C-alpha atoms as a PDB file:
ATOM      1  CA  MET A   1      90.441 134.537  88.877  1.00  0.00           C
ATOM      2  CA  ILE A   2      91.785 131.781  91.144  1.00  0.00           C
ATOM      3  CA  SER A   3      89.429 130.975  94.018  1.00  0.00           C
ATOM      4  CA  THR A   4      90.490 131.486  97.622  1.00  0.00           C
ATOM      5  CA  ARG A   5      90.268 127.779  98.422  1.00  0.00           C
ATOM      6  CA  ARG A   6      92.369 126.924  95.344  1.00  0.00           C
ATOM      7  CA  LEU A   7      95.017 129.402  96.433  1.00  0.00           C
ATOM      8  CA  ALA A   8      94.975 127.868  99.904  1.00  0.00           C
ATOM      9  CA  LEU A   9      95.429 124.363  98.561  1.00  0.00           C
ATOM     10  CA  LEU A  10      98.188 125.392  96.161  1.00  0.00           C
ATOM     11  CA  ALA A  11      99.946 127.109  99.049  1.00  0.00           C
ATOM     12  CA  ALA A  12      99.635 123.965 101.140  1.00  0.00           C
ATOM     13  CA  ILE A  13     100.996 121.822  98.311  1.00  0.00           C
ATOM     14  CA  GLY A  14     103.828 124.316  97.891  1.00  0.00           C
ATOM     15  CA  THR A  15     104.643 124.006 101.584  1.00  0.00           C
ATOM     16  CA  VAL A  16     104.647 120.208 101.319  1.00  0.00           C
ATOM     17  CA  THR A  17     106.921 120.440  98.298  1.00  0.00           C
ATOM     18  CA  LEU A  18     109.390 122.797  99.923  1.00  0.00           C
ATOM     19  CA  LEU A  19     109.557 120.668 103.059  1.00  0.00           C
ATOM     20  CA  GLY A  20     110.144 117.588 100.949  1.00  0.00           C
ATOM     21  CA  VAL A  21     112.884 119.258  98.948  1.00  0.00           C
ATOM     22  CA  THR A  22     114.734 120.786 101.873  1.00  0.00           C
ATOM     23  CA  GLY A  23     114.528 117.516 103.782  1.00  0.00           C
ATOM     24  CA  CYS A  24     116.122 115.583 100.873  1.00  0.00           C
ATOM     25  CA  SER A  25     119.862 115.136 100.403  1.00  0.00           C
ATOM     26  CA  ALA A  26     119.551 114.529  96.653  1.00  0.00           C
ATOM     27  CA  PRO A  27     120.930 117.111  94.188  1.00  0.00           C
ATOM     28  CA  GLU A  28     118.652 119.872  92.953  1.00  0.00           C
ATOM     29  CA  GLU A  29     118.290 118.227  89.561  1.00  0.00           C
ATOM     30  CA  SER A  30     116.854 115.005  91.070  1.00  0.00           C
ATOM     31  CA  ALA A  31     113.397 114.020  89.822  1.00  0.00           C
ATOM     32  CA  PRO A  32     111.494 114.347  93.130  1.00  0.00           C
ATOM     33  CA  ALA A  33     112.711 117.899  93.708  1.00  0.00           C
ATOM     34  CA  ALA A  34     112.169 118.984  90.134  1.00  0.00           C
ATOM     35  CA  THR A  35     108.639 117.597  89.795  1.00  0.00           C
ATOM     36  CA  GLY A  36     107.627 118.598  93.295  1.00  0.00           C
ATOM     37  CA  ALA A  37     108.414 122.274  92.698  1.00  0.00           C
ATOM     38  CA  ALA A  38     105.817 122.616  89.921  1.00  0.00           C
ATOM     39  CA  THR A  39     102.142 123.559  90.223  1.00  0.00           C
ATOM     40  CA  PRO A  40      99.746 120.648  89.578  1.00  0.00           C
ATOM     41  CA  SER A  41      97.755 120.857  86.354  1.00  0.00           C
ATOM     42  CA  GLY A  42      96.377 118.662  83.615  1.00  0.00           C
ATOM     43  CA  SER A  43      94.800 115.308  84.445  1.00  0.00           C
ATOM     44  CA  ILE A  44      95.484 112.054  86.300  1.00  0.00           C
ATOM     45  CA  THR A  45      94.039 108.551  86.247  1.00  0.00           C
ATOM     46  CA  VAL A  46      93.467 106.848  89.603  1.00  0.00           C
ATOM     47  CA  TYR A  47      93.131 103.087  89.843  1.00  0.00           C
ATOM     48  CA  ASN A  48      90.716 103.076  92.751  1.00  0.00           C
ATOM     49  CA  ALA A  49      89.956 100.118  95.008  1.00  0.00           C
ATOM     50  CA  GLN A  50      88.773 102.356  97.841  1.00  0.00           C
ATOM     51  CA  HIS A  51      85.105 103.170  98.453  1.00  0.00           C
ATOM     52  CA  GLU A  52      83.883 104.821  95.261  1.00  0.00           C
ATOM     53  CA  GLU A  53      81.873 107.517  97.038  1.00  0.00           C
ATOM     54  CA  LEU A  54      84.818 108.509  99.231  1.00  0.00           C
ATOM     55  CA  THR A  55      87.325 108.668  96.393  1.00  0.00           C
ATOM     56  CA  GLN A  56      84.871 110.563  94.202  1.00  0.00           C
ATOM     57  CA  ALA A  57      84.517 113.164  96.970  1.00  0.00           C
ATOM     58  CA  TRP A  58      88.303 113.438  97.223  1.00  0.00           C
ATOM     59  CA  ALA A  59      88.595 113.771  93.450  1.00  0.00           C
ATOM     60  CA  ASP A  60      85.844 116.372  93.161  1.00  0.00           C
ATOM     61  CA  GLU A  61      87.327 118.603  95.845  1.00  0.00           C
ATOM     62  CA  PHE A  62      90.865 118.207  94.531  1.00  0.00           C
ATOM     63  CA  THR A  63      89.660 119.181  91.046  1.00  0.00           C
ATOM     64  CA  ALA A  64      87.743 122.165  92.422  1.00  0.00           C
ATOM     65  CA  GLU A  65      90.808 123.426  94.254  1.00  0.00           C
ATOM     66  CA  THR A  66      93.530 122.720  91.680  1.00  0.00           C
ATOM     67  CA  GLY A  67      91.821 122.419  88.320  1.00  0.00           C
ATOM     68  CA  VAL A  68      93.336 118.943  87.845  1.00  0.00           C
ATOM     69  CA  THR A  69      90.936 116.480  86.213  1.00  0.00           C
ATOM     70  CA  VAL A  70      90.761 113.115  88.013  1.00  0.00           C
ATOM     71  CA  THR A  71      89.534 110.012  86.179  1.00  0.00           C
ATOM     72  CA  LEU A  72      88.693 107.041  88.400  1.00  0.00           C
ATOM     73  CA  ARG A  73      88.976 103.452  87.301  1.00  0.00           C
ATOM     74  CA  ASN A  74      87.196 101.464  90.020  1.00  0.00           C
ATOM     75  CA  GLY A  75      87.805  97.857  90.960  1.00  0.00           C
ATOM     76  CA  SER A  76      88.883  95.594  93.816  1.00  0.00           C
ATOM     77  CA  ASP A  77      92.249  95.502  95.582  1.00  0.00           C
ATOM     78  CA  SER A  78      93.387  92.252  93.976  1.00  0.00           C
ATOM     79  CA  GLU A  79      91.908  93.033  90.560  1.00  0.00           C
ATOM     80  CA  LEU A  80      93.630  96.388  90.171  1.00  0.00           C
ATOM     81  CA  GLY A  81      96.846  95.336  91.932  1.00  0.00           C
ATOM     82  CA  ASN A  82      97.280  92.402  89.556  1.00  0.00           C
ATOM     83  CA  GLN A  83      96.285  94.595  86.626  1.00  0.00           C
ATOM     84  CA  LEU A  84      99.047  97.073  87.451  1.00  0.00           C
ATOM     85  CA  VAL A  85     101.611  94.278  87.671  1.00  0.00           C
ATOM     86  CA  GLN A  86     100.465  92.951  84.296  1.00  0.00           C
ATOM     87  CA  GLU A  87     100.555  96.401  82.704  1.00  0.00           C
ATOM     88  CA  GLY A  88     103.969  97.227  84.125  1.00  0.00           C
ATOM     89  CA  ALA A  89     105.641 100.140  82.370  1.00  0.00           C
ATOM     90  CA  ALA A  90     102.743 100.351  79.904  1.00  0.00           C
ATOM     91  CA  SER A  91     100.208 101.325  82.596  1.00  0.00           C
ATOM     92  CA  LYS A  92      98.252 104.536  82.154  1.00  0.00           C
ATOM     93  CA  ALA A  93      97.643 104.820  85.898  1.00  0.00           C
ATOM     94  CA  ASP A  94      99.058 107.739  87.864  1.00  0.00           C
ATOM     95  CA  VAL A  95      97.830 106.784  91.353  1.00  0.00           C
ATOM     96  CA  PHE A  96      96.736 103.530  93.014  1.00  0.00           C
ATOM     97  CA  LEU A  97      94.401 103.536  96.048  1.00  0.00           C
ATOM     98  CA  THR A  98      93.344 100.438  97.988  1.00  0.00           C
ATOM     99  CA  GLU A  99      91.154  99.392 100.895  1.00  0.00           C
ATOM    100  CA  ASN A 100      93.839  97.083 102.325  1.00  0.00           C
ATOM    101  CA  SER A 101      97.625  97.106 102.129  1.00  0.00           C
ATOM    102  CA  PRO A 102      98.609  93.668 100.686  1.00  0.00           C
ATOM    103  CA  ALA A 103      97.754  94.835  97.160  1.00  0.00           C
ATOM    104  CA  MET A 104     100.011  97.855  97.704  1.00  0.00           C
ATOM    105  CA  SER A 105     102.846  95.514  98.726  1.00  0.00           C
ATOM    106  CA  LEU A 106     102.224  93.472  95.582  1.00  0.00           C
ATOM    107  CA  VAL A 107     102.674  96.525  93.351  1.00  0.00           C
ATOM    108  CA  ASP A 108     105.558  97.810  95.457  1.00  0.00           C
ATOM    109  CA  GLY A 109     107.285  94.418  95.184  1.00  0.00           C
ATOM    110  CA  ALA A 110     107.086  94.706  91.405  1.00  0.00           C
ATOM    111  CA  GLY A 111     109.002  98.000  91.623  1.00  0.00           C
ATOM    112  CA  LEU A 112     106.174 100.054  90.134  1.00  0.00           C
ATOM    113  CA  PHE A 113     105.881 102.894  92.676  1.00  0.00           C
ATOM    114  CA  ALA A 114     107.753 106.184  92.769  1.00  0.00           C
ATOM    115  CA  PRO A 115     108.868 107.402  96.217  1.00  0.00           C
ATOM    116  CA  VAL A 116     106.196 109.427  98.005  1.00  0.00           C
ATOM    117  CA  ASP A 117     107.169 113.042  98.707  1.00  0.00           C
ATOM    118  CA  ASP A 118     108.768 113.273 102.149  1.00  0.00           C
ATOM    119  CA  ALA A 119     106.369 115.903 103.447  1.00  0.00           C
ATOM    120  CA  THR A 120     103.369 113.795 102.405  1.00  0.00           C
ATOM    121  CA  LEU A 121     104.797 110.919 104.419  1.00  0.00           C
ATOM    122  CA  GLU A 122     105.216 113.262 107.368  1.00  0.00           C
ATOM    123  CA  GLN A 123     101.459 113.869 107.380  1.00  0.00           C
ATOM    124  CA  VAL A 124     100.884 110.207 108.285  1.00  0.00           C
ATOM    125  CA  PRO A 125     102.142 108.602 111.541  1.00  0.00           C
ATOM    126  CA  GLU A 126     104.735 105.861 111.055  1.00  0.00           C
ATOM    127  CA  GLU A 127     102.413 103.059 112.188  1.00  0.00           C
ATOM    128  CA  TYR A 128     100.059 103.801 109.293  1.00  0.00           C
ATOM    129  CA  ARG A 129     102.599 103.754 106.468  1.00  0.00           C
ATOM    130  CA  PRO A 130     105.197 101.281 105.224  1.00  0.00           C
ATOM    131  CA  SER A 131     108.872 101.536 106.102  1.00  0.00           C
ATOM    132  CA  THR A 132     109.724 101.584 102.388  1.00  0.00           C
ATOM    133  CA  GLY A 133     108.309 105.075 101.830  1.00  0.00           C
ATOM    134  CA  MET A 134     107.071 103.973  98.421  1.00  0.00           C
ATOM    135  CA  TRP A 135     103.410 104.426  99.340  1.00  0.00           C
ATOM    136  CA  THR A 136     101.464 105.709 102.333  1.00  0.00           C
ATOM    137  CA  GLY A 137      98.411 104.999 104.430  1.00  0.00           C
ATOM    138  CA  ILE A 138      95.342 107.033 103.527  1.00  0.00           C
ATOM    139  CA  ALA A 139      92.692 105.523 105.855  1.00  0.00           C
ATOM    140  CA  ALA A 140      92.280 102.645 108.312  1.00  0.00           C
ATOM    141  CA  ARG A 141      89.735 100.073 109.459  1.00  0.00           C
ATOM    142  CA  SER A 142      89.590  97.862 112.544  1.00  0.00           C
ATOM    143  CA  THR A 143      88.951  94.137 112.749  1.00  0.00           C
ATOM    144  CA  VAL A 144      85.986  93.364 115.034  1.00  0.00           C
ATOM    145  CA  PHE A 145      84.032  90.334 116.223  1.00  0.00           C
ATOM    146  CA  ALA A 146      80.371  91.065 115.560  1.00  0.00           C
ATOM    147  CA  TYR A 147      77.923  88.971 117.557  1.00  0.00           C
ATOM    148  CA  ASN A 148      74.243  88.505 118.321  1.00  0.00           C
ATOM    149  CA  PRO A 149      73.789  88.935 122.097  1.00  0.00           C
ATOM    150  CA  SER A 150      70.704  86.735 122.052  1.00  0.00           C
ATOM    151  CA  LEU A 151      72.879  83.855 120.854  1.00  0.00           C
ATOM    152  CA  LEU A 152      76.178  84.678 122.529  1.00  0.00           C
ATOM    153  CA  SER A 153      76.699  86.280 125.919  1.00  0.00           C
ATOM    154  CA  GLU A 154      79.578  88.605 126.796  1.00  0.00           C
ATOM    155  CA  SER A 155      81.076  85.935 129.036  1.00  0.00           C
ATOM    156  CA  GLU A 156      81.315  83.608 126.025  1.00  0.00           C
ATOM    157  CA  LEU A 157      83.192  86.054 123.785  1.00  0.00           C
ATOM    158  CA  PRO A 158      86.634  84.866 122.662  1.00  0.00           C
ATOM    159  CA  ALA A 159      89.629  86.591 124.241  1.00  0.00           C
ATOM    160  CA  SER A 160      91.649  86.190 121.044  1.00  0.00           C
ATOM    161  CA  LEU A 161      91.091  85.610 117.345  1.00  0.00           C
ATOM    162  CA  LEU A 162      93.196  82.484 117.836  1.00  0.00           C
ATOM    163  CA  ASP A 163      90.526  81.043 120.160  1.00  0.00           C
ATOM    164  CA  LEU A 164      88.237  80.566 117.159  1.00  0.00           C
ATOM    165  CA  ALA A 165      90.361  77.531 116.234  1.00  0.00           C
ATOM    166  CA  ASP A 166      88.927  75.697 119.240  1.00  0.00           C
ATOM    167  CA  PRO A 167      86.423  72.950 118.267  1.00  0.00           C
ATOM    168  CA  ALA A 168      83.958  74.601 120.658  1.00  0.00           C
ATOM    169  CA  TRP A 169      83.501  77.282 117.979  1.00  0.00           C
ATOM    170  CA  ALA A 170      82.498  74.842 115.245  1.00  0.00           C
ATOM    171  CA  GLY A 171      79.536  76.270 113.329  1.00  0.00           C
ATOM    172  CA  ARG A 172      79.361  79.296 115.615  1.00  0.00           C
ATOM    173  CA  TRP A 173      81.225  81.993 113.685  1.00  0.00           C
ATOM    174  CA  ALA A 174      81.325  83.281 110.139  1.00  0.00           C
ATOM    175  CA  ALA A 175      83.633  85.105 107.744  1.00  0.00           C
ATOM    176  CA  SER A 176      84.033  86.082 104.115  1.00  0.00           C
ATOM    177  CA  PRO A 177      87.416  84.544 103.243  1.00  0.00           C
ATOM    178  CA  SER A 178      87.275  85.219  99.501  1.00  0.00           C
ATOM    179  CA  GLY A 179      87.481  88.988  99.945  1.00  0.00           C
ATOM    180  CA  ALA A 180      90.553  91.204 100.303  1.00  0.00           C
ATOM    181  CA  ASP A 181      89.300  92.362 103.723  1.00  0.00           C
ATOM    182  CA  PHE A 182      89.626  88.953 105.360  1.00  0.00           C
ATOM    183  CA  GLN A 183      92.795  88.113 103.457  1.00  0.00           C
ATOM    184  CA  ALA A 184      94.412  91.212 104.980  1.00  0.00           C
ATOM    185  CA  ILE A 185      93.494  89.906 108.445  1.00  0.00           C
ATOM    186  CA  VAL A 186      95.104  86.560 107.615  1.00  0.00           C
ATOM    187  CA  SER A 187      98.144  88.430 106.332  1.00  0.00           C
ATOM    188  CA  ALA A 188      98.450  90.129 109.724  1.00  0.00           C
ATOM    189  CA  LEU A 189      98.119  86.764 111.437  1.00  0.00           C
ATOM    190  CA  LEU A 190     100.923  85.449 109.222  1.00  0.00           C
ATOM    191  CA  GLU A 191     103.212  88.328 110.151  1.00  0.00           C
ATOM    192  CA  LEU A 192     102.458  88.075 113.871  1.00  0.00           C
ATOM    193  CA  GLU A 193     102.317  84.302 114.375  1.00  0.00           C
ATOM    194  CA  GLY A 194     104.266  82.791 111.492  1.00  0.00           C
ATOM    195  CA  GLU A 195     103.422  80.450 108.639  1.00  0.00           C
ATOM    196  CA  ASP A 196     102.939  77.217 110.600  1.00  0.00           C
ATOM    197  CA  ALA A 197     100.557  78.821 113.114  1.00  0.00           C
ATOM    198  CA  THR A 198      98.625  80.503 110.317  1.00  0.00           C
ATOM    199  CA  ARG A 199      98.304  77.246 108.387  1.00  0.00           C
ATOM    200  CA  ASP A 200      97.014  75.486 111.521  1.00  0.00           C
ATOM    201  CA  TRP A 201      94.541  78.297 112.260  1.00  0.00           C
ATOM    202  CA  LEU A 202      93.193  78.221 108.718  1.00  0.00           C
ATOM    203  CA  ALA A 203      92.781  74.435 108.892  1.00  0.00           C
ATOM    204  CA  ALA A 204      90.758  74.854 112.095  1.00  0.00           C
ATOM    205  CA  MET A 205      88.788  77.686 110.515  1.00  0.00           C
ATOM    206  CA  LYS A 206      87.878  75.375 107.640  1.00  0.00           C
ATOM    207  CA  GLN A 207      86.267  73.076 110.187  1.00  0.00           C
ATOM    208  CA  ASN A 208      84.688  75.743 112.392  1.00  0.00           C
ATOM    209  CA  ALA A 209      83.650  78.736 110.303  1.00  0.00           C
ATOM    210  CA  VAL A 210      80.550  79.234 108.196  1.00  0.00           C
ATOM    211  CA  VAL A 211      81.517  80.916 104.927  1.00  0.00           C
ATOM    212  CA  TYR A 212      79.566  83.798 103.420  1.00  0.00           C
ATOM    213  CA  LYS A 213      80.401  86.108 100.535  1.00  0.00           C
ATOM    214  CA  GLY A 214      80.899  89.674 101.742  1.00  0.00           C
ATOM    215  CA  ASN A 215      81.200  91.290 105.166  1.00  0.00           C
ATOM    216  CA  SER A 216      77.731  92.796 104.854  1.00  0.00           C
ATOM    217  CA  THR A 217      76.298  89.319 104.287  1.00  0.00           C
ATOM    218  CA  VAL A 218      78.113  88.051 107.380  1.00  0.00           C
ATOM    219  CA  MET A 219      76.637  90.880 109.444  1.00  0.00           C
ATOM    220  CA  LYS A 220      73.143  90.279 108.075  1.00  0.00           C
ATOM    221  CA  ALA A 221      73.383  86.588 108.969  1.00  0.00           C
ATOM    222  CA  ILE A 222      74.429  87.432 112.524  1.00  0.00           C
ATOM    223  CA  ASN A 223      71.635  89.970 112.829  1.00  0.00           C
ATOM    224  CA  ALA A 224      69.071  87.441 111.555  1.00  0.00           C
ATOM    225  CA  GLY A 225      70.213  84.824 114.051  1.00  0.00           C
ATOM    226  CA  GLU A 226      71.583  82.448 111.402  1.00  0.00           C
ATOM    227  CA  ILE A 227      74.982  82.403 113.109  1.00  0.00           C
ATOM    228  CA  PRO A 228      76.050  83.716 116.546  1.00  0.00           C
ATOM    229  CA  ALA A 229      79.069  85.757 115.446  1.00  0.00           C
ATOM    230  CA  GLY A 230      81.584  86.636 112.752  1.00  0.00           C
ATOM    231  CA  VAL A 231      84.774  88.484 111.903  1.00  0.00           C
ATOM    232  CA  ILE A 232      84.267  91.698 109.906  1.00  0.00           C
ATOM    233  CA  TYR A 233      85.605  95.239 109.714  1.00  0.00           C
ATOM    234  CA  HIS A 234      84.066  97.874 111.973  1.00  0.00           C
ATOM    235  CA  TYR A 235      82.715 100.224 109.312  1.00  0.00           C
ATOM    236  CA  TYR A 236      80.081  97.803 108.040  1.00  0.00           C
ATOM    237  CA  TRP A 237      78.350  98.008 111.406  1.00  0.00           C
ATOM    238  CA  PHE A 238      78.653 101.772 111.758  1.00  0.00           C
ATOM    239  CA  GLY A 239      77.496 102.379 108.204  1.00  0.00           C
ATOM    240  CA  ASP A 240      74.367 100.319 108.758  1.00  0.00           C
ATOM    241  CA  GLN A 241      73.714 101.966 112.118  1.00  0.00           C
ATOM    242  CA  ALA A 242      73.906 105.399 110.466  1.00  0.00           C
ATOM    243  CA  GLY A 243      71.149 104.298 108.102  1.00  0.00           C
ATOM    244  CA  THR A 244      68.152 102.163 109.006  1.00  0.00           C
ATOM    245  CA  GLY A 245      70.083  99.765 111.242  1.00  0.00           C
ATOM    246  CA  GLU A 246      67.992  96.926 109.810  1.00  0.00           C
ATOM    247  CA  ASN A 247      71.025  94.689 109.278  1.00  0.00           C
ATOM    248  CA  SER A 248      72.790  95.430 112.574  1.00  0.00           C
ATOM    249  CA  SER A 249      70.101  96.217 115.151  1.00  0.00           C
ATOM    250  CA  SER A 250      70.445  92.802 116.806  1.00  0.00           C
ATOM    251  CA  THR A 251      74.243  92.815 116.846  1.00  0.00           C
ATOM    252  CA  GLU A 252      77.049  94.163 119.004  1.00  0.00           C
ATOM    253  CA  MET A 253      80.775  94.489 118.394  1.00  0.00           C
ATOM    254  CA  HIS A 254      83.590  92.967 120.397  1.00  0.00           C
ATOM    255  CA  TYR A 255      87.057  94.545 120.110  1.00  0.00           C
ATOM    256  CA  PHE A 256      89.836  92.082 120.930  1.00  0.00           C
ATOM    257  CA  LYS A 257      92.445  94.772 121.808  1.00  0.00           C
ATOM    258  CA  ASN A 258      95.569  93.603 123.747  1.00  0.00           C
ATOM    259  CA  GLN A 259      97.599  93.719 120.493  1.00  0.00           C
ATOM    260  CA  ASP A 260      95.860  90.513 119.485  1.00  0.00           C
ATOM    261  CA  PRO A 261      95.818  89.486 115.795  1.00  0.00           C
ATOM    262  CA  GLY A 262      92.070  90.089 116.050  1.00  0.00           C
ATOM    263  CA  ALA A 263      92.767  93.731 116.927  1.00  0.00           C
ATOM    264  CA  PHE A 264      94.518  94.234 113.592  1.00  0.00           C
ATOM    265  CA  VAL A 265      94.005  97.662 112.008  1.00  0.00           C
ATOM    266  CA  SER A 266      94.200  97.407 108.231  1.00  0.00           C
ATOM    267  CA  VAL A 267      95.765 100.362 106.439  1.00  0.00           C
ATOM    268  CA  SER A 268      94.298 101.566 103.160  1.00  0.00           C
ATOM    269  CA  GLY A 269      97.100 102.616 100.840  1.00  0.00           C
ATOM    270  CA  GLY A 270      97.913 105.201  98.221  1.00  0.00           C
ATOM    271  CA  GLY A 271     100.886 105.400  95.888  1.00  0.00           C
ATOM    272  CA  VAL A 272     102.134 107.162  92.768  1.00  0.00           C
ATOM    273  CA  LEU A 273     103.176 105.017  89.818  1.00  0.00           C
ATOM    274  CA  GLU A 274     106.762 105.378  88.605  1.00  0.00           C
ATOM    275  CA  THR A 275     105.459 105.608  85.045  1.00  0.00           C
ATOM    276  CA  SER A 276     102.928 108.359  85.808  1.00  0.00           C
ATOM    277  CA  ALA A 277     102.627 110.795  82.933  1.00  0.00           C
ATOM    278  CA  ASN A 278     101.797 113.566  85.416  1.00  0.00           C
ATOM    279  CA  PRO A 279     103.810 112.950  88.610  1.00  0.00           C
ATOM    280  CA  VAL A 280     103.361 116.527  89.828  1.00  0.00           C
ATOM    281  CA  ALA A 281      99.562 116.234  89.968  1.00  0.00           C
ATOM    282  CA  ALA A 282      99.741 112.624  91.183  1.00  0.00           C
ATOM    283  CA  GLN A 283     101.950 113.549  94.146  1.00  0.00           C
ATOM    284  CA  ALA A 284      99.736 116.568  94.854  1.00  0.00           C
ATOM    285  CA  PHE A 285      96.629 114.351  94.918  1.00  0.00           C
ATOM    286  CA  LEU A 286      98.262 112.011  97.418  1.00  0.00           C
ATOM    287  CA  ALA A 287      99.345 115.003  99.513  1.00  0.00           C
ATOM    288  CA  TYR A 288      95.771 116.296  99.454  1.00  0.00           C
ATOM    289  CA  ILE A 289      93.993 113.118 100.547  1.00  0.00           C
ATOM    290  CA  THR A 290      96.439 112.556 103.422  1.00  0.00           C
ATOM    291  CA  GLY A 291      96.293 116.212 104.458  1.00  0.00           C
ATOM    292  CA  LYS A 292      93.729 117.940 106.633  1.00  0.00           C
ATOM    293  CA  GLY A 293      91.243 118.650 103.852  1.00  0.00           C
ATOM    294  CA  GLY A 294      91.166 115.108 102.512  1.00  0.00           C
ATOM    295  CA  GLN A 295      91.081 113.540 105.963  1.00  0.00           C
ATOM    296  CA  GLU A 296      88.189 115.799 107.009  1.00  0.00           C
ATOM    297  CA  ILE A 297      86.211 114.422 104.049  1.00  0.00           C
ATOM    298  CA  LEU A 298      87.004 110.941 105.362  1.00  0.00           C
ATOM    299  CA  LYS A 299      85.842 111.882 108.862  1.00  0.00           C
ATOM    300  CA  THR A 300      82.543 113.435 107.825  1.00  0.00           C
ATOM    301  CA  GLY A 301      81.690 111.063 104.974  1.00  0.00           C
ATOM    302  CA  SER A 302      79.657 107.872 104.971  1.00  0.00           C
ATOM    303  CA  SER A 303      82.492 105.336 104.796  1.00  0.00           C
ATOM    304  CA  PHE A 304      83.107 105.389 108.593  1.00  0.00           C
ATOM    305  CA  GLU A 305      86.773 104.573 108.059  1.00  0.00           C
ATOM    306  CA  TYR A 306      89.428 106.072 110.302  1.00  0.00           C
ATOM    307  CA  PRO A 307      91.493 109.110 109.284  1.00  0.00           C
ATOM    308  CA  VAL A 308      95.209 108.356 109.600  1.00  0.00           C
ATOM    309  CA  SER A 309      96.352 111.956 109.994  1.00  0.00           C
ATOM    310  CA  ASP A 310      97.049 113.237 113.499  1.00  0.00           C
ATOM    311  CA  ALA A 311      95.466 116.509 112.400  1.00  0.00           C
ATOM    312  CA  VAL A 312      91.974 115.003 112.130  1.00  0.00           C
ATOM    313  CA  ASP A 313      90.066 113.010 114.761  1.00  0.00           C
ATOM    314  CA  ALA A 314      87.894 110.051 113.825  1.00  0.00           C
ATOM    315  CA  ASN A 315      84.130 110.308 113.477  1.00  0.00           C
ATOM    316  CA  ASP A 316      82.684 110.752 116.973  1.00  0.00           C
ATOM    317  CA  ALA A 317      80.740 107.487 116.658  1.00  0.00           C
ATOM    318  CA  LEU A 318      83.929 105.419 116.383  1.00  0.00           C
ATOM    319  CA  VAL A 319      86.143 104.043 119.117  1.00  0.00           C
ATOM    320  CA  PRO A 320      89.310 106.183 118.852  1.00  0.00           C
ATOM    321  CA  LEU A 321      92.189 104.457 117.076  1.00  0.00           C
ATOM    322  CA  GLY A 322      94.421 104.923 120.102  1.00  0.00           C
ATOM    323  CA  GLU A 323      92.028 102.892 122.258  1.00  0.00           C
ATOM    324  CA  LEU A 324      92.006  99.837 119.994  1.00  0.00           C
ATOM    325  CA  ASP A 325      95.392  98.595 121.277  1.00  0.00           C
ATOM    326  CA  ALA A 326      96.148  97.146 117.855  1.00  0.00           C
ATOM    327  CA  PRO A 327      99.299  95.135 117.105  1.00  0.00           C
ATOM    328  CA  VAL A 328     102.078  97.151 115.484  1.00  0.00           C
ATOM    329  CA  ILE A 329     102.764  95.784 112.000  1.00  0.00           C
ATOM    330  CA  ASP A 330     104.797  97.321 109.191  1.00  0.00           C
ATOM    331  CA  PRO A 331     102.220  97.410 106.351  1.00  0.00           C
ATOM    332  CA  SER A 332     104.952  96.667 103.809  1.00  0.00           C
ATOM    333  CA  LYS A 333     105.372  93.205 105.357  1.00  0.00           C
ATOM    334  CA  LEU A 334     101.788  92.089 104.766  1.00  0.00           C
ATOM    335  CA  ASN A 335     102.049  89.414 102.103  1.00  0.00           C
ATOM    336  CA  SER A 336      99.240  88.754  99.649  1.00  0.00           C
ATOM    337  CA  THR A 337     100.980  85.976  97.698  1.00  0.00           C
ATOM    338  CA  THR A 338     101.754  83.690 100.653  1.00  0.00           C
ATOM    339  CA  VAL A 339      98.314  84.335 102.143  1.00  0.00           C
ATOM    340  CA  THR A 340      96.652  83.386  98.874  1.00  0.00           C
ATOM    341  CA  ASP A 341      98.711  80.184  98.776  1.00  0.00           C
ATOM    342  CA  LEU A 342      97.840  79.296 102.382  1.00  0.00           C
ATOM    343  CA  MET A 343      94.141  80.032 101.936  1.00  0.00           C
ATOM    344  CA  THR A 344      94.059  78.020  98.709  1.00  0.00           C
ATOM    345  CA  GLU A 345      95.743  75.143 100.518  1.00  0.00           C
ATOM    346  CA  ALA A 346      93.101  75.384 103.252  1.00  0.00           C
ATOM    347  CA  GLY A 347      90.312  75.241 100.675  1.00  0.00           C
ATOM    348  CA  PHE A 348      89.014  78.801 100.904  1.00  0.00           C
ATOM    349  CA  LEU A 349      90.109  80.080  97.490  1.00  0.00           C
END
């Protein structure tokens, strides 16, 4: 007997499918309409660069409600994005999930994604998905300036991320430039300010910033008083606070807001591979994680990332997305290749 929750999910997927089909001008025999009309079954492989615990929770619930087996291959944004490009048409992946969007743009630029079902896209506000429609946002995280109030007063906080290029900040702030998190922030800076300004900012950062490996390490250093401040993503602080708080108890967070590059909200992405052997289940999985059920798991889980669906509010501990006053950036325009070149030129990679 099919469980009640499985029936509910299948009905929801059916609704998404019908909306996507009726909203499409393609003929009935087109691939999206034909695959979308079927019931998900079988198995899928997800190349997962998102938090493992979060994606495992999504996979477990999706399997419980549909019977589809989900195999996760875990890795980093850049590792799996480059792997997909290398594999090309020979890839065994059905779905790709990331923490940040530049890796999605890399795979999209290689022409490896199938269009996302229209109704799945409709579950996600435009600002949290690319204009291409070839993948969608699944979660979000905010850039923040973490600081130690015993070393840096509120009156000394920078008004803009760009202020950190000032020589007055030499040796007074930290970052983890080798990771995809910080590279996404630089990618936003590139889109907002242009290549010359980004090159100049990175050159100043090379002189001013203290480099650590990992956002958690940056936060620990701030907390221990090794460095007054640093640029990280918000969820590292909230995750530590939800636990012992031992690595964040002596820190506060400064939100730049004002549509500043330092107020950048990075979109985590999800897409279905064009070569997926099971596109029905792959599209259904993406519909699930961006729908109410999947976004509720995001809200109540331990990742402290933001849901991107209007149907689900953020965890009560977080500053609401709407209050962050983030710059509006089309995620499809965030460029990992140019950023890598610029950061290599600056001596960070």
